[in-house]
Amino acid sequence: MEINITQYGSCDLAKVRGRVDSFTAPKLGEVLGDIIQNNHFNIVLDISEVDYVSSAGLRVMIDMQKTCKQANRGEVVLVGVPKRIYETLELAGFVPLFRLFDNAEDAIGNF
């Protein structure tokens, strides 16, 4: 898994590539946690190049969403959700917990 962070005035963009599984999910949680530690609570999570998300990866996403919303009325939004991952989110009942965008520009523009 590879993660690239870009800071914008109103949010941080986290571009994730590869697999988010039980081995890599802690690293994702650490990177997103670092963003939150810097008092940035609006996170655009671009997963358009993610091949797979396990339950551990879903847990990280939900935990970060909860933290952002409670801390400062922020949120995590998802960008470019692949069909297979969308189906997993839907099956778990997590789709209503996130705003979804087709591209990062639209997501960033909504903050």
PDB file of N, CA and C in Angstrom:
ATOM      1  N   MET A   1       0.848  -1.177   0.000  1.00  0.00           N
ATOM      2  CA  MET A   1       0.000   0.000   0.000  1.00  0.00           C
ATOM      3  C   MET A   1       0.889   1.234   0.000  1.00  0.00           C
ATOM      4  N   GLU A   2       0.465   2.219  -0.739  1.00  0.00           N
ATOM      5  CA  GLU A   2       1.169   3.498  -0.814  1.00  0.00           C
ATOM      6  C   GLU A   2       0.174   4.608  -0.499  1.00  0.00           C
ATOM      7  N   ILE A   3       0.612   5.596   0.292  1.00  0.00           N
ATOM      8  CA  ILE A   3      -0.248   6.719   0.657  1.00  0.00           C
ATOM      9  C   ILE A   3       0.513   8.012   0.393  1.00  0.00           C
ATOM     10  N   ASN A   4      -0.124   8.930  -0.334  1.00  0.00           N
ATOM     11  CA  ASN A   4       0.441  10.262  -0.566  1.00  0.00           C
ATOM     12  C   ASN A   4      -0.525  11.292  -0.001  1.00  0.00           C
ATOM     13  N   ILE A   5       0.018  12.230   0.767  1.00  0.00           N
ATOM     14  CA  ILE A   5      -0.801  13.270   1.398  1.00  0.00           C
ATOM     15  C   ILE A   5      -0.496  14.612   0.742  1.00  0.00           C
ATOM     16  N   THR A   6      -1.554  15.342   0.399  1.00  0.00           N
ATOM     17  CA  THR A   6      -1.426  16.698  -0.106  1.00  0.00           C
ATOM     18  C   THR A   6      -2.319  17.589   0.740  1.00  0.00           C
ATOM     19  N   GLN A   7      -1.765  18.673   1.264  1.00  0.00           N
ATOM     20  CA  GLN A   7      -2.544  19.586   2.091  1.00  0.00           C
ATOM     21  C   GLN A   7      -3.106  20.711   1.234  1.00  0.00           C
ATOM     22  N   TYR A   8      -4.366  21.009   1.464  1.00  0.00           N
ATOM     23  CA  TYR A   8      -5.039  22.140   0.841  1.00  0.00           C
ATOM     24  C   TYR A   8      -5.517  23.036   1.968  1.00  0.00           C
ATOM     25  N   GLY A   9      -5.969  24.218   1.645  1.00  0.00           N
ATOM     26  CA  GLY A   9      -6.404  25.160   2.676  1.00  0.00           C
ATOM     27  C   GLY A   9      -7.507  24.626   3.562  1.00  0.00           C
ATOM     28  N   SER A  10      -8.460  23.926   2.989  1.00  0.00           N
ATOM     29  CA  SER A  10      -9.626  23.507   3.752  1.00  0.00           C
ATOM     30  C   SER A  10      -9.649  22.023   4.094  1.00  0.00           C
ATOM     31  N   CYS A  11      -8.716  21.249   3.534  1.00  0.00           N
ATOM     32  CA  CYS A  11      -8.729  19.810   3.766  1.00  0.00           C
ATOM     33  C   CYS A  11      -7.382  19.193   3.405  1.00  0.00           C
ATOM     34  N   ASP A  12      -7.250  17.919   3.711  1.00  0.00           N
ATOM     35  CA  ASP A  12      -6.076  17.145   3.323  1.00  0.00           C
ATOM     36  C   ASP A  12      -6.545  16.022   2.399  1.00  0.00           C
ATOM     37  N   LEU A  13      -5.808  15.817   1.326  1.00  0.00           N
ATOM     38  CA  LEU A  13      -6.099  14.743   0.382  1.00  0.00           C
ATOM     39  C   LEU A  13      -5.146  13.594   0.656  1.00  0.00           C
ATOM     40  N   ALA A  14      -5.710  12.423   0.943  1.00  0.00           N
ATOM     41  CA  ALA A  14      -4.918  11.207   1.135  1.00  0.00           C
ATOM     42  C   ALA A  14      -5.218  10.279  -0.042  1.00  0.00           C
ATOM     43  N   LYS A  15      -4.231  10.100  -0.910  1.00  0.00           N
ATOM     44  CA  LYS A  15      -4.368   9.231  -2.088  1.00  0.00           C
ATOM     45  C   LYS A  15      -3.770   7.873  -1.723  1.00  0.00           C
ATOM     46  N   VAL A  16      -4.599   6.840  -1.750  1.00  0.00           N
ATOM     47  CA  VAL A  16      -4.175   5.503  -1.346  1.00  0.00           C
ATOM     48  C   VAL A  16      -4.141   4.596  -2.574  1.00  0.00           C
ATOM     49  N   ARG A  17      -3.080   3.781  -2.665  1.00  0.00           N
ATOM     50  CA  ARG A  17      -2.940   2.816  -3.770  1.00  0.00           C
ATOM     51  C   ARG A  17      -2.641   1.440  -3.190  1.00  0.00           C
ATOM     52  N   GLY A  18      -3.190   0.414  -3.817  1.00  0.00           N
ATOM     53  CA  GLY A  18      -2.881  -0.954  -3.405  1.00  0.00           C
ATOM     54  C   GLY A  18      -3.983  -1.576  -2.580  1.00  0.00           C
ATOM     55  N   ARG A  19      -3.585  -2.424  -1.647  1.00  0.00           N
ATOM     56  CA  ARG A  19      -4.521  -3.153  -0.791  1.00  0.00           C
ATOM     57  C   ARG A  19      -4.534  -2.567   0.613  1.00  0.00           C
ATOM     58  N   VAL A  20      -5.736  -2.463   1.173  1.00  0.00           N
ATOM     59  CA  VAL A  20      -5.874  -2.067   2.573  1.00  0.00           C
ATOM     60  C   VAL A  20      -6.416  -3.298   3.296  1.00  0.00           C
ATOM     61  N   ASP A  21      -5.506  -4.041   3.892  1.00  0.00           N
ATOM     62  CA  ASP A  21      -5.868  -5.286   4.555  1.00  0.00           C
ATOM     63  C   ASP A  21      -5.399  -5.252   6.005  1.00  0.00           C
ATOM     64  N   SER A  22      -5.459  -6.387   6.682  1.00  0.00           N
ATOM     65  CA  SER A  22      -5.084  -6.411   8.099  1.00  0.00           C
ATOM     66  C   SER A  22      -3.617  -6.054   8.313  1.00  0.00           C
ATOM     67  N   PHE A  23      -2.790  -6.237   7.308  1.00  0.00           N
ATOM     68  CA  PHE A  23      -1.378  -5.890   7.407  1.00  0.00           C
ATOM     69  C   PHE A  23      -1.133  -4.396   7.186  1.00  0.00           C
ATOM     70  N   THR A  24      -1.845  -3.784   6.230  1.00  0.00           N
ATOM     71  CA  THR A  24      -1.600  -2.388   5.867  1.00  0.00           C
ATOM     72  C   THR A  24      -2.546  -1.394   6.547  1.00  0.00           C
ATOM     73  N   ALA A  25      -3.681  -1.849   7.043  1.00  0.00           N
ATOM     74  CA  ALA A  25      -4.655  -0.948   7.677  1.00  0.00           C
ATOM     75  C   ALA A  25      -4.065  -0.148   8.839  1.00  0.00           C
ATOM     76  N   PRO A  26      -3.216  -0.745   9.690  1.00  0.00           N
ATOM     77  CA  PRO A  26      -2.630   0.068  10.765  1.00  0.00           C
ATOM     78  C   PRO A  26      -1.820   1.256  10.239  1.00  0.00           C
ATOM     79  N   LYS A  27      -1.136   1.078   9.124  1.00  0.00           N
ATOM     80  CA  LYS A  27      -0.369   2.178   8.528  1.00  0.00           C
ATOM     81  C   LYS A  27      -1.314   3.279   8.053  1.00  0.00           C
ATOM     82  N   LEU A  28      -2.436   2.901   7.426  1.00  0.00           N
ATOM     83  CA  LEU A  28      -3.434   3.886   7.012  1.00  0.00           C
ATOM     84  C   LEU A  28      -3.957   4.643   8.226  1.00  0.00           C
ATOM     85  N   GLY A  29      -4.255   3.913   9.294  1.00  0.00           N
ATOM     86  CA  GLY A  29      -4.730   4.555  10.516  1.00  0.00           C
ATOM     87  C   GLY A  29      -3.707   5.512  11.097  1.00  0.00           C
ATOM     88  N   GLU A  30      -2.441   5.136  11.025  1.00  0.00           N
ATOM     89  CA  GLU A  30      -1.370   5.987  11.534  1.00  0.00           C
ATOM     90  C   GLU A  30      -1.255   7.277  10.718  1.00  0.00           C
ATOM     91  N   VAL A  31      -1.301   7.156   9.404  1.00  0.00           N
ATOM     92  CA  VAL A  31      -1.175   8.335   8.535  1.00  0.00           C
ATOM     93  C   VAL A  31      -2.368   9.269   8.725  1.00  0.00           C
ATOM     94  N   LEU A  32      -3.570   8.715   8.730  1.00  0.00           N
ATOM     95  CA  LEU A  32      -4.755   9.552   8.935  1.00  0.00           C
ATOM     96  C   LEU A  32      -4.768  10.138  10.349  1.00  0.00           C
ATOM     97  N   GLY A  33      -4.316   9.359  11.318  1.00  0.00           N
ATOM     98  CA  GLY A  33      -4.221   9.856  12.686  1.00  0.00           C
ATOM     99  C   GLY A  33      -3.260  11.030  12.805  1.00  0.00           C
ATOM    100  N   ASP A  34      -2.161  10.977  12.043  1.00  0.00           N
ATOM    101  CA  ASP A  34      -1.213  12.097  12.040  1.00  0.00           C
ATOM    102  C   ASP A  34      -1.860  13.370  11.501  1.00  0.00           C
ATOM    103  N   ILE A  35      -2.697  13.220  10.484  1.00  0.00           N
ATOM    104  CA  ILE A  35      -3.410  14.378   9.931  1.00  0.00           C
ATOM    105  C   ILE A  35      -4.298  14.988  11.022  1.00  0.00           C
ATOM    106  N   ILE A  36      -5.022  14.146  11.721  1.00  0.00           N
ATOM    107  CA  ILE A  36      -5.929  14.603  12.777  1.00  0.00           C
ATOM    108  C   ILE A  36      -5.141  15.228  13.930  1.00  0.00           C
ATOM    109  N   GLN A  37      -3.992  14.654  14.258  1.00  0.00           N
ATOM    110  CA  GLN A  37      -3.149  15.203  15.326  1.00  0.00           C
ATOM    111  C   GLN A  37      -2.713  16.632  15.019  1.00  0.00           C
ATOM    112  N   ASN A  38      -2.646  16.973  13.736  1.00  0.00           N
ATOM    113  CA  ASN A  38      -2.296  18.333  13.317  1.00  0.00           C
ATOM    114  C   ASN A  38      -3.517  19.238  13.241  1.00  0.00           C
ATOM    115  N   ASN A  39      -4.616  18.803  13.873  1.00  0.00           N
ATOM    116  CA  ASN A  39      -5.869  19.556  13.912  1.00  0.00           C
ATOM    117  C   ASN A  39      -6.463  19.801  12.537  1.00  0.00           C
ATOM    118  N   HIS A  40      -6.318  18.853  11.655  1.00  0.00           N
ATOM    119  CA  HIS A  40      -6.969  18.882  10.339  1.00  0.00           C
ATOM    120  C   HIS A  40      -8.027  17.791  10.372  1.00  0.00           C
ATOM    121  N   PHE A  41      -9.288  18.201  10.282  1.00  0.00           N
ATOM    122  CA  PHE A  41     -10.379  17.259  10.469  1.00  0.00           C
ATOM    123  C   PHE A  41     -11.219  17.038   9.212  1.00  0.00           C
ATOM    124  N   ASN A  42     -10.838  17.652   8.098  1.00  0.00           N
ATOM    125  CA  ASN A  42     -11.502  17.409   6.821  1.00  0.00           C
ATOM    126  C   ASN A  42     -10.530  16.635   5.937  1.00  0.00           C
ATOM    127  N   ILE A  43     -10.878  15.383   5.671  1.00  0.00           N
ATOM    128  CA  ILE A  43      -9.979  14.494   4.937  1.00  0.00           C
ATOM    129  C   ILE A  43     -10.690  13.956   3.706  1.00  0.00           C
ATOM    130  N   VAL A  44     -10.047  14.125   2.562  1.00  0.00           N
ATOM    131  CA  VAL A  44     -10.514  13.536   1.303  1.00  0.00           C
ATOM    132  C   VAL A  44      -9.692  12.274   1.124  1.00  0.00           C
ATOM    133  N   LEU A  45     -10.350  11.138   1.159  1.00  0.00           N
ATOM    134  CA  LEU A  45      -9.679   9.842   1.032  1.00  0.00           C
ATOM    135  C   LEU A  45      -9.945   9.293  -0.361  1.00  0.00           C
ATOM    136  N   ASP A  46      -8.934   9.413  -1.222  1.00  0.00           N
ATOM    137  CA  ASP A  46      -9.045   8.954  -2.610  1.00  0.00           C
ATOM    138  C   ASP A  46      -8.633   7.494  -2.658  1.00  0.00           C
ATOM    139  N   ILE A  47      -9.607   6.620  -2.889  1.00  0.00           N
ATOM    140  CA  ILE A  47      -9.344   5.183  -2.940  1.00  0.00           C
ATOM    141  C   ILE A  47      -9.569   4.619  -4.343  1.00  0.00           C
ATOM    142  N   SER A  48      -9.477   5.492  -5.337  1.00  0.00           N
ATOM    143  CA  SER A  48      -9.725   5.062  -6.721  1.00  0.00           C
ATOM    144  C   SER A  48      -8.723   4.012  -7.198  1.00  0.00           C
ATOM    145  N   GLU A  49      -7.547   3.947  -6.575  1.00  0.00           N
ATOM    146  CA  GLU A  49      -6.536   2.964  -6.965  1.00  0.00           C
ATOM    147  C   GLU A  49      -6.326   1.898  -5.893  1.00  0.00           C
ATOM    148  N   VAL A  50      -7.345   1.691  -5.074  1.00  0.00           N
ATOM    149  CA  VAL A  50      -7.300   0.636  -4.060  1.00  0.00           C
ATOM    150  C   VAL A  50      -7.967  -0.606  -4.654  1.00  0.00           C
ATOM    151  N   ASP A  51      -7.270  -1.724  -4.531  1.00  0.00           N
ATOM    152  CA  ASP A  51      -7.765  -2.978  -5.090  1.00  0.00           C
ATOM    153  C   ASP A  51      -8.679  -3.743  -4.147  1.00  0.00           C
ATOM    154  N   TYR A  52      -8.459  -3.555  -2.857  1.00  0.00           N
ATOM    155  CA  TYR A  52      -9.154  -4.377  -1.868  1.00  0.00           C
ATOM    156  C   TYR A  52      -9.153  -3.656  -0.526  1.00  0.00           C
ATOM    157  N   VAL A  53     -10.274  -3.737   0.194  1.00  0.00           N
ATOM    158  CA  VAL A  53     -10.359  -3.215   1.561  1.00  0.00           C
ATOM    159  C   VAL A  53     -10.941  -4.316   2.442  1.00  0.00           C
ATOM    160  N   SER A  54     -10.186  -4.706   3.459  1.00  0.00           N
ATOM    161  CA  SER A  54     -10.651  -5.733   4.398  1.00  0.00           C
ATOM    162  C   SER A  54     -11.483  -5.080   5.498  1.00  0.00           C
ATOM    163  N   SER A  55     -11.982  -5.903   6.399  1.00  0.00           N
ATOM    164  CA  SER A  55     -12.736  -5.362   7.535  1.00  0.00           C
ATOM    165  C   SER A  55     -11.848  -4.462   8.395  1.00  0.00           C
ATOM    166  N   ALA A  56     -10.552  -4.767   8.466  1.00  0.00           N
ATOM    167  CA  ALA A  56      -9.628  -3.910   9.220  1.00  0.00           C
ATOM    168  C   ALA A  56      -9.531  -2.529   8.570  1.00  0.00           C
ATOM    169  N   GLY A  57      -9.507  -2.488   7.246  1.00  0.00           N
ATOM    170  CA  GLY A  57      -9.477  -1.211   6.525  1.00  0.00           C
ATOM    171  C   GLY A  57     -10.762  -0.431   6.710  1.00  0.00           C
ATOM    172  N   LEU A  58     -11.887  -1.136   6.662  1.00  0.00           N
ATOM    173  CA  LEU A  58     -13.175  -0.473   6.901  1.00  0.00           C
ATOM    174  C   LEU A  58     -13.232   0.112   8.303  1.00  0.00           C
ATOM    175  N   ARG A  59     -12.693  -0.619   9.262  1.00  0.00           N
ATOM    176  CA  ARG A  59     -12.684  -0.150  10.651  1.00  0.00           C
ATOM    177  C   ARG A  59     -11.879   1.142  10.781  1.00  0.00           C
ATOM    178  N   VAL A  60     -10.744   1.221  10.101  1.00  0.00           N
ATOM    179  CA  VAL A  60      -9.940   2.446  10.137  1.00  0.00           C
ATOM    180  C   VAL A  60     -10.741   3.611   9.562  1.00  0.00           C
ATOM    181  N   MET A  61     -11.396   3.389   8.433  1.00  0.00           N
ATOM    182  CA  MET A  61     -12.175   4.450   7.797  1.00  0.00           C
ATOM    183  C   MET A  61     -13.301   4.932   8.715  1.00  0.00           C
ATOM    184  N   ILE A  62     -13.995   4.005   9.345  1.00  0.00           N
ATOM    185  CA  ILE A  62     -15.098   4.356  10.249  1.00  0.00           C
ATOM    186  C   ILE A  62     -14.564   5.085  11.484  1.00  0.00           C
ATOM    187  N   ASP A  63     -13.471   4.596  12.046  1.00  0.00           N
ATOM    188  CA  ASP A  63     -12.888   5.244  13.226  1.00  0.00           C
ATOM    189  C   ASP A  63     -12.454   6.676  12.918  1.00  0.00           C
ATOM    190  N   MET A  64     -11.840   6.881  11.762  1.00  0.00           N
ATOM    191  CA  MET A  64     -11.397   8.225  11.386  1.00  0.00           C
ATOM    192  C   MET A  64     -12.593   9.145  11.150  1.00  0.00           C
ATOM    193  N   GLN A  65     -13.645   8.615  10.529  1.00  0.00           N
ATOM    194  CA  GLN A  65     -14.855   9.404  10.313  1.00  0.00           C
ATOM    195  C   GLN A  65     -15.446   9.839  11.654  1.00  0.00           C
ATOM    196  N   LYS A  66     -15.542   8.917  12.568  1.00  0.00           N
ATOM    197  CA  LYS A  66     -16.096   9.205  13.897  1.00  0.00           C
ATOM    198  C   LYS A  66     -15.257  10.266  14.611  1.00  0.00           C
ATOM    199  N   THR A  67     -13.940  10.121  14.576  1.00  0.00           N
ATOM    200  CA  THR A  67     -13.048  11.076  15.231  1.00  0.00           C
ATOM    201  C   THR A  67     -13.180  12.466  14.627  1.00  0.00           C
ATOM    202  N   CYS A  68     -13.193  12.540  13.299  1.00  0.00           N
ATOM    203  CA  CYS A  68     -13.294  13.845  12.632  1.00  0.00           C
ATOM    204  C   CYS A  68     -14.618  14.532  12.945  1.00  0.00           C
ATOM    205  N   LYS A  69     -15.694  13.778  12.918  1.00  0.00           N
ATOM    206  CA  LYS A  69     -17.006  14.379  13.170  1.00  0.00           C
ATOM    207  C   LYS A  69     -17.148  14.830  14.618  1.00  0.00           C
ATOM    208  N   GLN A  70     -16.615  14.073  15.552  1.00  0.00           N
ATOM    209  CA  GLN A  70     -16.732  14.435  16.962  1.00  0.00           C
ATOM    210  C   GLN A  70     -15.797  15.577  17.335  1.00  0.00           C
ATOM    211  N   ALA A  71     -14.613  15.581  16.763  1.00  0.00           N
ATOM    212  CA  ALA A  71     -13.578  16.525  17.173  1.00  0.00           C
ATOM    213  C   ALA A  71     -13.885  17.955  16.762  1.00  0.00           C
ATOM    214  N   ASN A  72     -14.284  18.144  15.538  1.00  0.00           N
ATOM    215  CA  ASN A  72     -14.387  19.518  15.070  1.00  0.00           C
ATOM    216  C   ASN A  72     -15.373  19.653  13.917  1.00  0.00           C
ATOM    217  N   ARG A  73     -16.391  18.858  13.933  1.00  0.00           N
ATOM    218  CA  ARG A  73     -17.381  18.881  12.857  1.00  0.00           C
ATOM    219  C   ARG A  73     -16.745  18.686  11.487  1.00  0.00           C
ATOM    220  N   GLY A  74     -15.670  17.949  11.452  1.00  0.00           N
ATOM    221  CA  GLY A  74     -15.029  17.605  10.190  1.00  0.00           C
ATOM    222  C   GLY A  74     -15.626  16.324   9.653  1.00  0.00           C
ATOM    223  N   GLU A  75     -14.991  15.810   8.619  1.00  0.00           N
ATOM    224  CA  GLU A  75     -15.456  14.541   8.070  1.00  0.00           C
ATOM    225  C   GLU A  75     -14.424  13.961   7.123  1.00  0.00           C
ATOM    226  N   VAL A  76     -14.583  12.670   6.886  1.00  0.00           N
ATOM    227  CA  VAL A  76     -13.822  11.961   5.867  1.00  0.00           C
ATOM    228  C   VAL A  76     -14.779  11.736   4.707  1.00  0.00           C
ATOM    229  N   VAL A  77     -14.375  12.159   3.513  1.00  0.00           N
ATOM    230  CA  VAL A  77     -15.166  11.881   2.313  1.00  0.00           C
ATOM    231  C   VAL A  77     -14.359  10.929   1.436  1.00  0.00           C
ATOM    232  N   LEU A  78     -15.058  10.120   0.677  1.00  0.00           N
ATOM    233  CA  LEU A  78     -14.411   9.120  -0.169  1.00  0.00           C
ATOM    234  C   LEU A  78     -14.482   9.524  -1.633  1.00  0.00           C
ATOM    235  N   VAL A  79     -13.391   9.286  -2.337  1.00  0.00           N
ATOM    236  CA  VAL A  79     -13.296   9.649  -3.750  1.00  0.00           C
ATOM    237  C   VAL A  79     -12.988   8.409  -4.580  1.00  0.00           C
ATOM    238  N   GLY A  80     -13.684   8.300  -5.714  1.00  0.00           N
ATOM    239  CA  GLY A  80     -13.374   7.252  -6.687  1.00  0.00           C
ATOM    240  C   GLY A  80     -13.529   5.846  -6.154  1.00  0.00           C
ATOM    241  N   VAL A  81     -14.580   5.599  -5.409  1.00  0.00           N
ATOM    242  CA  VAL A  81     -14.766   4.282  -4.802  1.00  0.00           C
ATOM    243  C   VAL A  81     -15.005   3.239  -5.895  1.00  0.00           C
ATOM    244  N   PRO A  82     -14.099   2.261  -6.023  1.00  0.00           N
ATOM    245  CA  PRO A  82     -14.301   1.205  -7.019  1.00  0.00           C
ATOM    246  C   PRO A  82     -15.572   0.408  -6.726  1.00  0.00           C
ATOM    247  N   LYS A  83     -16.174  -0.113  -7.765  1.00  0.00           N
ATOM    248  CA  LYS A  83     -17.453  -0.820  -7.633  1.00  0.00           C
ATOM    249  C   LYS A  83     -17.386  -1.931  -6.588  1.00  0.00           C
ATOM    250  N   ARG A  84     -16.341  -2.697  -6.624  1.00  0.00           N
ATOM    251  CA  ARG A  84     -16.207  -3.822  -5.693  1.00  0.00           C
ATOM    252  C   ARG A  84     -16.149  -3.337  -4.236  1.00  0.00           C
ATOM    253  N   ILE A  85     -15.450  -2.236  -4.003  1.00  0.00           N
ATOM    254  CA  ILE A  85     -15.358  -1.697  -2.643  1.00  0.00           C
ATOM    255  C   ILE A  85     -16.672  -1.038  -2.248  1.00  0.00           C
ATOM    256  N   TYR A  86     -17.335  -0.389  -3.199  1.00  0.00           N
ATOM    257  CA  TYR A  86     -18.651   0.185  -2.917  1.00  0.00           C
ATOM    258  C   TYR A  86     -19.617  -0.909  -2.458  1.00  0.00           C
ATOM    259  N   GLU A  87     -19.575  -2.034  -3.144  1.00  0.00           N
ATOM    260  CA  GLU A  87     -20.459  -3.148  -2.777  1.00  0.00           C
ATOM    261  C   GLU A  87     -20.164  -3.641  -1.361  1.00  0.00           C
ATOM    262  N   THR A  88     -18.895  -3.651  -0.978  1.00  0.00           N
ATOM    263  CA  THR A  88     -18.513  -4.043   0.381  1.00  0.00           C
ATOM    264  C   THR A  88     -19.043  -3.028   1.392  1.00  0.00           C
ATOM    265  N   LEU A  89     -18.876  -1.736   1.095  1.00  0.00           N
ATOM    266  CA  LEU A  89     -19.402  -0.686   1.970  1.00  0.00           C
ATOM    267  C   LEU A  89     -20.920  -0.796   2.101  1.00  0.00           C
ATOM    268  N   GLU A  90     -21.568  -1.070   0.986  1.00  0.00           N
ATOM    269  CA  GLU A  90     -23.026  -1.187   0.973  1.00  0.00           C
ATOM    270  C   GLU A  90     -23.486  -2.388   1.804  1.00  0.00           C
ATOM    271  N   LEU A  91     -22.813  -3.507   1.616  1.00  0.00           N
ATOM    272  CA  LEU A  91     -23.160  -4.721   2.352  1.00  0.00           C
ATOM    273  C   LEU A  91     -23.002  -4.517   3.856  1.00  0.00           C
ATOM    274  N   ALA A  92     -21.976  -3.780   4.250  1.00  0.00           N
ATOM    275  CA  ALA A  92     -21.727  -3.511   5.669  1.00  0.00           C
ATOM    276  C   ALA A  92     -22.632  -2.405   6.226  1.00  0.00           C
ATOM    277  N   GLY A  93     -23.366  -1.726   5.347  1.00  0.00           N
ATOM    278  CA  GLY A  93     -24.240  -0.645   5.786  1.00  0.00           C
ATOM    279  C   GLY A  93     -23.509   0.662   6.036  1.00  0.00           C
ATOM    280  N   PHE A  94     -22.315   0.837   5.439  1.00  0.00           N
ATOM    281  CA  PHE A  94     -21.491   2.016   5.692  1.00  0.00           C
ATOM    282  C   PHE A  94     -21.648   3.127   4.669  1.00  0.00           C
ATOM    283  N   VAL A  95     -22.331   2.892   3.567  1.00  0.00           N
ATOM    284  CA  VAL A  95     -22.459   3.920   2.527  1.00  0.00           C
ATOM    285  C   VAL A  95     -23.053   5.216   3.080  1.00  0.00           C
ATOM    286  N   PRO A  96     -24.096   5.162   3.906  1.00  0.00           N
ATOM    287  CA  PRO A  96     -24.666   6.425   4.421  1.00  0.00           C
ATOM    288  C   PRO A  96     -23.724   7.214   5.338  1.00  0.00           C
ATOM    289  N   LEU A  97     -22.651   6.613   5.795  1.00  0.00           N
ATOM    290  CA  LEU A  97     -21.749   7.279   6.728  1.00  0.00           C
ATOM    291  C   LEU A  97     -20.747   8.200   6.040  1.00  0.00           C
ATOM    292  N   PHE A  98     -20.662   8.111   4.713  1.00  0.00           N
ATOM    293  CA  PHE A  98     -19.672   8.885   3.963  1.00  0.00           C
ATOM    294  C   PHE A  98     -20.327   9.626   2.799  1.00  0.00           C
ATOM    295  N   ARG A  99     -19.797  10.808   2.504  1.00  0.00           N
ATOM    296  CA  ARG A  99     -20.137  11.451   1.236  1.00  0.00           C
ATOM    297  C   ARG A  99     -19.173  10.888   0.203  1.00  0.00           C
ATOM    298  N   LEU A 100     -19.691  10.578  -0.975  1.00  0.00           N
ATOM    299  CA  LEU A 100     -18.898   9.974  -2.043  1.00  0.00           C
ATOM    300  C   LEU A 100     -18.781  10.937  -3.211  1.00  0.00           C
ATOM    301  N   PHE A 101     -17.587  11.019  -3.790  1.00  0.00           N
ATOM    302  CA  PHE A 101     -17.327  11.880  -4.940  1.00  0.00           C
ATOM    303  C   PHE A 101     -16.614  11.083  -6.022  1.00  0.00           C
ATOM    304  N   ASP A 102     -16.848  11.483  -7.266  1.00  0.00           N
ATOM    305  CA  ASP A 102     -16.194  10.817  -8.388  1.00  0.00           C
ATOM    306  C   ASP A 102     -14.735  11.214  -8.526  1.00  0.00           C
ATOM    307  N   ASN A 103     -14.412  12.470  -8.162  1.00  0.00           N
ATOM    308  CA  ASN A 103     -13.022  12.928  -8.315  1.00  0.00           C
ATOM    309  C   ASN A 103     -12.629  13.834  -7.147  1.00  0.00           C
ATOM    310  N   ALA A 104     -11.322  13.948  -6.968  1.00  0.00           N
ATOM    311  CA  ALA A 104     -10.789  14.709  -5.832  1.00  0.00           C
ATOM    312  C   ALA A 104     -11.120  16.200  -5.924  1.00  0.00           C
ATOM    313  N   GLU A 105     -11.137  16.747  -7.134  1.00  0.00           N
ATOM    314  CA  GLU A 105     -11.424  18.157  -7.288  1.00  0.00           C
ATOM    315  C   GLU A 105     -12.794  18.520  -6.755  1.00  0.00           C
ATOM    316  N   ASP A 106     -13.802  17.696  -7.073  1.00  0.00           N
ATOM    317  CA  ASP A 106     -15.149  17.946  -6.563  1.00  0.00           C
ATOM    318  C   ASP A 106     -15.199  17.842  -5.045  1.00  0.00           C
ATOM    319  N   ALA A 107     -14.512  16.844  -4.513  1.00  0.00           N
ATOM    320  CA  ALA A 107     -14.506  16.643  -3.061  1.00  0.00           C
ATOM    321  C   ALA A 107     -13.839  17.815  -2.349  1.00  0.00           C
ATOM    322  N   ILE A 108     -12.685  18.232  -2.845  1.00  0.00           N
ATOM    323  CA  ILE A 108     -11.959  19.350  -2.241  1.00  0.00           C
ATOM    324  C   ILE A 108     -12.790  20.626  -2.321  1.00  0.00           C
ATOM    325  N   GLY A 109     -13.483  20.816  -3.450  1.00  0.00           N
ATOM    326  CA  GLY A 109     -14.324  22.002  -3.635  1.00  0.00           C
ATOM    327  C   GLY A 109     -15.522  22.069  -2.712  1.00  0.00           C
ATOM    328  N   ASN A 110     -15.887  20.938  -2.083  1.00  0.00           N
ATOM    329  CA  ASN A 110     -17.028  20.913  -1.180  1.00  0.00           C
ATOM    330  C   ASN A 110     -16.650  21.226   0.268  1.00  0.00           C
ATOM    331  N   PHE A 111     -15.393  21.530   0.514  1.00  0.00           N
ATOM    332  CA  PHE A 111     -14.970  21.912   1.869  1.00  0.00           C
ATOM    333  C   PHE A 111     -14.791  23.397   1.956  1.00  0.00           C
TER     334      PHE A 111
END
